[in-house]
Amino acid sequence: MIEVTVSEARERLADLLGKVQHGGEDVTIKKHGKPVAVMISPEAMEYYERLENEELARLGAKAYAEYLADPSKAMTLEDYLSETAAERAAE
């Protein structure tokens, strides 16, 4: 992975885009030493979106199975996702 500052990214944009597009590189852009953006290929973005969709489908199926097992414990999707995120953070 390539790391550059915002100023470097501005100066080298065409070169960095070429490295992402043709070289398979990812580029992290930093401001004050902290990452603020990442440049990735469209293929990588599609992959991450597919993973996210699969995870959401898995969570939905789990929630539905739990609902069928005990409808009295039904909760909103927002509450369910918050609870799931809290459980993952505790791991």
Protein backbone atom coordinates (compact mmCIF):
# COMPACT_ATOMS: atom_id res chain seq x y z
CA MET A 1 0.00 0.00 0.00
CA ILE A 2 1.20 3.46 -0.91
CA GLU A 3 0.81 6.25 1.66
CA VAL A 4 0.89 9.92 0.66
CA THR A 5 -0.06 13.26 2.13
CA VAL A 6 -2.88 15.32 0.68
CA SER A 7 -0.31 17.61 -0.96
CA GLU A 8 1.53 14.66 -2.50
CA ALA A 9 -1.74 13.19 -3.73
CA ARG A 10 -2.63 16.48 -5.40
CA GLU A 11 0.77 16.66 -7.13
CA ARG A 12 0.90 12.99 -8.13
CA LEU A 13 -2.77 12.26 -8.86
CA ALA A 14 -2.27 10.92 -12.39
CA ASP A 15 0.63 8.70 -11.29
CA LEU A 16 -1.28 7.39 -8.27
CA LEU A 17 -4.37 6.65 -10.35
CA GLY A 18 -2.18 4.69 -12.74
CA LYS A 19 -0.75 2.66 -9.87
CA VAL A 20 -4.25 1.87 -8.61
CA GLN A 21 -5.65 1.10 -12.06
CA HIS A 22 -2.75 -0.79 -13.61
CA GLY A 23 -0.47 -1.77 -10.75
CA GLY A 24 -3.06 -3.13 -8.36
CA GLU A 25 -1.89 -0.78 -5.61
CA ASP A 26 -4.05 0.83 -2.94
CA VAL A 27 -3.27 4.40 -1.92
CA THR A 28 -3.91 5.85 1.51
CA ILE A 29 -4.10 9.64 1.67
CA LYS A 30 -3.14 11.18 5.01
CA LYS A 31 -3.75 14.58 6.53
CA HIS A 32 -1.78 15.53 9.63
CA GLY A 33 -0.50 11.95 9.73
CA LYS A 34 -3.96 10.38 9.86
CA PRO A 35 -5.70 8.49 7.02
CA VAL A 36 -8.52 10.51 5.45
CA ALA A 37 -9.13 8.60 2.22
CA VAL A 38 -8.16 5.50 0.31
CA MET A 39 -7.98 5.03 -3.45
CA ILE A 40 -8.82 1.48 -4.56
CA SER A 41 -9.68 -0.12 -7.87
CA PRO A 42 -13.30 -0.54 -8.95
CA GLU A 43 -12.80 -4.31 -8.68
CA ALA A 44 -11.72 -3.97 -5.05
CA MET A 45 -14.71 -1.74 -4.34
CA GLU A 46 -17.08 -4.29 -5.90
CA TYR A 47 -15.48 -7.00 -3.76
CA TYR A 48 -15.95 -4.98 -0.55
CA GLU A 49 -19.55 -4.16 -1.47
CA ARG A 50 -20.25 -7.84 -2.15
CA LEU A 51 -18.78 -8.77 1.26
CA GLU A 52 -20.91 -6.12 2.94
CA ASN A 53 -24.06 -7.37 1.18
CA GLU A 54 -23.30 -10.97 2.16
CA GLU A 55 -22.78 -9.93 5.79
CA LEU A 56 -26.05 -8.00 5.82
CA ALA A 57 -27.88 -10.99 4.32
CA ARG A 58 -26.35 -13.26 6.97
CA LEU A 59 -27.37 -10.88 9.76
CA GLY A 60 -30.89 -10.63 8.32
CA ALA A 61 -31.26 -14.41 8.15
CA LYS A 62 -30.03 -14.75 11.73
CA ALA A 63 -32.44 -12.07 12.96
CA TYR A 64 -35.34 -13.71 11.13
CA ALA A 65 -34.51 -17.11 12.61
CA GLU A 66 -34.38 -15.58 16.08
CA TYR A 67 -37.73 -13.88 15.46
CA LEU A 68 -39.32 -17.16 14.34
CA ALA A 69 -37.96 -18.87 17.45
CA ASP A 70 -39.40 -16.20 19.78
CA PRO A 71 -41.51 -13.39 18.23
CA SER A 72 -41.75 -11.64 21.63
CA LYS A 73 -38.06 -10.69 21.31
CA ALA A 74 -38.57 -8.80 18.04
CA MET A 75 -36.51 -5.61 17.61
CA THR A 76 -35.92 -3.04 14.92
CA LEU A 77 -33.13 -3.56 12.41
CA GLU A 78 -31.35 -0.51 13.83
CA ASP A 79 -31.41 -1.97 17.35
CA TYR A 80 -30.28 -5.36 16.07
CA LEU A 81 -27.33 -3.90 14.15
CA SER A 82 -26.32 -1.78 17.16
CA GLU A 83 -26.43 -4.83 19.42
CA THR A 84 -24.44 -6.90 16.94
CA ALA A 85 -21.82 -4.17 16.58
CA ALA A 86 -21.50 -3.93 20.37
CA GLU A 87 -21.01 -7.72 20.59
CA ARG A 88 -18.28 -7.62 17.93
CA ALA A 89 -16.53 -4.74 19.68
CA ALA A 90 -16.48 -6.74 22.91
CA GLU A 91 -14.78 -9.72 21.20
